[in-house]
Every structure is written in C-alpha cells, then in structure tokens.
Amino acid sequence: MRDRGKIGNKGDRTLKLVEINCVFRDAFGQVVLRERVAIVGARAGRLSPGDLKNFRLAFDNIPDSWNQALPELVIAQIVFA
C-alpha cells in the first residue's frame, strides 16, 4: 500500500522531526498493525515556517486481515529545531 499526503507548518518555528502512528484495523475494528513513521526528519528534511511538503507512506507488511480502509494517522512526536 502507498499513501500520499501533505504537511504544512503554520507556526513560527522550524520542525526538525514529525512522526506519525499509522494504525490499521481489521473488519471488527481491532488493531492489526501500528507503525510509526517519520514524515519530517533526517531523511525527509526539515519543515520551515510557512512551508508545505508532500509525503508518501509505503507499507510492505500489512496483514491480510486489514479491512482495506485508510489507516488512522495520529501525530506521535514533534521536535522543533
């Protein structure tokens, strides 16, 4: 599965790291996979005030029991520069 999104910085400080938890569920609403992914950071680069950046999430090991719905994306951590 590959998913795309955008993140923007409307604040006045540069973002050094932003990590999100991606939560996949089965047909009964039970969590079948939870994966933490950096969308801003060492590989993706920092996000300055006013910037907008595209990101792409790729998952290779999603269980067959996944309900095929979009995963729940929850911010796990934000670190300012």
C-alpha atoms as a PDB file:
ATOM      1  CA  MET A   1       0.000   0.000   0.000  1.00  0.00           C
ATOM      2  CA  ARG A   2       1.183   3.507  -0.787  1.00  0.00           C
ATOM      3  CA  ASP A   3      -0.494   6.592   0.583  1.00  0.00           C
ATOM      4  CA  ARG A   4       0.229  10.263  -0.054  1.00  0.00           C
ATOM      5  CA  GLY A   5      -0.356  13.354   1.996  1.00  0.00           C
ATOM      6  CA  LYS A   6       0.749  16.908   2.703  1.00  0.00           C
ATOM      7  CA  ILE A   7       2.069  18.533   5.842  1.00  0.00           C
ATOM      8  CA  GLY A   8       2.306  22.275   6.415  1.00  0.00           C
ATOM      9  CA  ASN A   9       3.999  24.399   9.044  1.00  0.00           C
ATOM     10  CA  LYS A  10       1.787  27.319  10.051  1.00  0.00           C
ATOM     11  CA  GLY A  11       3.880  28.067  13.130  1.00  0.00           C
ATOM     12  CA  ASP A  12       6.877  30.331  13.620  1.00  0.00           C
ATOM     13  CA  ARG A  13       9.487  27.623  14.377  1.00  0.00           C
ATOM     14  CA  THR A  14      11.176  25.115  12.098  1.00  0.00           C
ATOM     15  CA  LEU A  15      10.109  21.495  12.525  1.00  0.00           C
ATOM     16  CA  LYS A  16      13.079  19.142  12.892  1.00  0.00           C
ATOM     17  CA  LEU A  17      11.082  15.918  13.302  1.00  0.00           C
ATOM     18  CA  VAL A  18       7.445  14.877  12.907  1.00  0.00           C
ATOM     19  CA  GLU A  19       6.480  11.236  13.445  1.00  0.00           C
ATOM     20  CA  ILE A  20       3.046   9.735  12.988  1.00  0.00           C
ATOM     21  CA  ASN A  21       1.493   6.458  14.102  1.00  0.00           C
ATOM     22  CA  CYS A  22      -0.284   4.679  11.257  1.00  0.00           C
ATOM     23  CA  VAL A  23      -2.955   2.369  12.647  1.00  0.00           C
ATOM     24  CA  PHE A  24      -4.505  -0.373  10.515  1.00  0.00           C
ATOM     25  CA  ARG A  25      -7.635  -2.216  11.692  1.00  0.00           C
ATOM     26  CA  ASP A  26      -9.497  -5.391  10.800  1.00  0.00           C
ATOM     27  CA  ALA A  27     -13.216  -5.759   9.978  1.00  0.00           C
ATOM     28  CA  PHE A  28     -14.019  -5.765  13.721  1.00  0.00           C
ATOM     29  CA  GLY A  29     -12.110  -2.551  14.437  1.00  0.00           C
ATOM     30  CA  GLN A  30      -9.229  -4.339  16.146  1.00  0.00           C
ATOM     31  CA  VAL A  31      -5.703  -3.031  15.531  1.00  0.00           C
ATOM     32  CA  VAL A  32      -3.762  -5.385  13.245  1.00  0.00           C
ATOM     33  CA  LEU A  33      -0.736  -3.141  12.644  1.00  0.00           C
ATOM     34  CA  ARG A  34       0.634   0.024  14.213  1.00  0.00           C
ATOM     35  CA  GLU A  35       3.656   1.546  12.535  1.00  0.00           C
ATOM     36  CA  ARG A  36       5.496   4.751  13.490  1.00  0.00           C
ATOM     37  CA  VAL A  37       6.833   6.725  10.530  1.00  0.00           C
ATOM     38  CA  ALA A  38       8.788  10.000  10.246  1.00  0.00           C
ATOM     39  CA  ILE A  39       7.310  12.407   7.685  1.00  0.00           C
ATOM     40  CA  VAL A  40       9.693  15.242   8.607  1.00  0.00           C
ATOM     41  CA  GLY A  41      13.220  14.442   9.745  1.00  0.00           C
ATOM     42  CA  ALA A  42      16.700  13.327   8.756  1.00  0.00           C
ATOM     43  CA  ARG A  43      15.628  11.632   5.504  1.00  0.00           C
ATOM     44  CA  ALA A  44      12.688  13.883   4.606  1.00  0.00           C
ATOM     45  CA  GLY A  45      14.316  17.172   5.634  1.00  0.00           C
ATOM     46  CA  ARG A  46      13.140  19.910   7.959  1.00  0.00           C
ATOM     47  CA  LEU A  47       9.996  21.999   7.520  1.00  0.00           C
ATOM     48  CA  SER A  48      10.426  25.753   7.842  1.00  0.00           C
ATOM     49  CA  PRO A  49       7.646  28.151   8.877  1.00  0.00           C
ATOM     50  CA  GLY A  50       5.191  28.666   6.023  1.00  0.00           C
ATOM     51  CA  ASP A  51       6.392  25.610   4.083  1.00  0.00           C
ATOM     52  CA  LEU A  52       4.179  22.869   2.681  1.00  0.00           C
ATOM     53  CA  LYS A  53       5.635  19.443   1.887  1.00  0.00           C
ATOM     54  CA  ASN A  54       4.292  16.324   0.212  1.00  0.00           C
ATOM     55  CA  PHE A  55       4.997  12.982   1.835  1.00  0.00           C
ATOM     56  CA  ARG A  56       4.460   9.390   0.820  1.00  0.00           C
ATOM     57  CA  LEU A  57       3.921   6.404   3.067  1.00  0.00           C
ATOM     58  CA  ALA A  58       4.728   2.890   1.866  1.00  0.00           C
ATOM     59  CA  PHE A  59       3.816  -0.255   3.777  1.00  0.00           C
ATOM     60  CA  ASP A  60       5.008  -3.706   2.778  1.00  0.00           C
ATOM     61  CA  ASN A  61       3.883  -5.900   5.667  1.00  0.00           C
ATOM     62  CA  ILE A  62       0.175  -5.220   6.171  1.00  0.00           C
ATOM     63  CA  PRO A  63      -1.654  -8.308   7.496  1.00  0.00           C
ATOM     64  CA  ASP A  64      -4.273  -9.966   5.274  1.00  0.00           C
ATOM     65  CA  SER A  65      -6.864  -9.237   7.972  1.00  0.00           C
ATOM     66  CA  TRP A  66      -6.639  -5.465   7.278  1.00  0.00           C
ATOM     67  CA  ASN A  67     -10.099  -4.059   6.432  1.00  0.00           C
ATOM     68  CA  GLN A  68      -8.788  -2.113   3.381  1.00  0.00           C
ATOM     69  CA  ALA A  69      -9.845   1.235   4.919  1.00  0.00           C
ATOM     70  CA  LEU A  70      -7.398   4.128   5.073  1.00  0.00           C
ATOM     71  CA  PRO A  71      -5.231   3.849   8.170  1.00  0.00           C
ATOM     72  CA  GLU A  72      -5.752   6.176  11.100  1.00  0.00           C
ATOM     73  CA  LEU A  73      -2.877   8.707  11.206  1.00  0.00           C
ATOM     74  CA  VAL A  74      -2.039  10.166  14.619  1.00  0.00           C
ATOM     75  CA  ILE A  75       0.833  12.537  15.382  1.00  0.00           C
ATOM     76  CA  ALA A  76       3.223  10.713  17.716  1.00  0.00           C
ATOM     77  CA  GLN A  77       6.025  13.260  18.122  1.00  0.00           C
ATOM     78  CA  ILE A  78       7.022  16.775  17.083  1.00  0.00           C
ATOM     79  CA  VAL A  79      10.532  18.150  17.643  1.00  0.00           C
ATOM     80  CA  PHE A  80      11.369  21.770  16.917  1.00  0.00           C
ATOM     81  CA  ALA A  81      14.775  22.852  15.590  1.00  0.00           C
END
